[in-house]
């Protein structure tokens, strides 16, 4: 750098100081993160657990993260409604919130994605980024993909790839009954189960395929009677929240002794419904399990000590790891620049090294198939204080469950 005559050393120091400040402009800044999910209705217990999880992990990351920022959660109850989700996005933007997280329901996810996309097109320089931590409809990172949407959970097809890779070697699984919620996610679980099982285990019979209203059924006894009559030895379901808890309760009440292959048996309320009778029969495919090692395991123990509740939505950890890593790389909290930094970024997640795939903004990560078992010395965590937990029977590296994408990303 050439310095002209008369340019004082004091002025030079000021320029250097200004440059240093610009390089770390985000340090000490508070980043508000809007949370849009249910806090009322049948799925309220799930939402209540997840906002506590976000607030707890935000506090943890605020103490130390690569960008040196603080995180503050701004929650809004969307009542599991796409329209309420759109209203929530507008309210958050009006409050100056530039980052939004949501996970419960792919219908709400699609509404948020569309609202964010439209806002960003109309308001250059005031962009908003949407982190999806649990809505798993594959279309969200395929035909409907958006530059401003980043998914932290594994999608339905990825989980089905891992689950069916395990099922392929289970000779006792012969007659499978599909029961799912009647919305995008449920339809996709049914579709991918049929397609992938036909490829990997063509001898398996699909003996039933039911769809039921989301978060409205209070008694699953009629469905269980159908499943029993069909001669199923296995139920495969993407149900979550009350829809899985009540389904399993009805199966237990009817003495239906079958395997359950699930996505969300670890979600609030369901483990208590499982009880000892379900040991060795209920399986979950997920990006985590009840006894995760390292930092996230210690976080789970601290969460339990504080709330007497379970920390199971560990994508909350990866949300802040992703954001803070990208903010440090971009040297700003500006969403447009942070979004660009998140594309293709590799970072240390709670479940190992992960990558936010650039082509579709789908996180590539390890997956586990776990089974409900009595806690022991090797796996001591007690889920919902039941004395039981979900223990790994198989772990799959990211490439096993990775699926291709049809996303044609339109970048700004």
Foldseek 3Di string as FASTA:
>chain_A
DDDDPPCDPVNVVVVVVVVVCLLLVQAAAEAEEEEEEACDAQQNQQVVLVVLLLQLLQCVCCVDALNNYHYDYDYDHQNQDLVSLLVSLVVCVVVVHQEYEYEPEVSNVLSNLVSQVVVCVVDPPSHHAYEYQHHAQQCCLFVVFELRYAYLWHHLQLLLLVVVVVVLPVPVFAEEEEEEEPDRRSVVNQVNNVVVCCVRPVRHHHQYHYYDHPSPDDACLVVLVSCVVSVGQEYEYADEGPVQLRNLLNCVVVVPNHAYEYAYCLGPNNVVSCAPSCFPRYKHKTQDWQQQDDPVNVSQVVSCVVPVAGDDSQSSQVVSNLQSVLCSVQSHNRSLSSSVSLQQDWTQGSQGIWTLHNQRNYIQFKMFMWTKHAADPVRHDQHSVRRIITGGPDIGGRVSSDDDHNDPYDRD
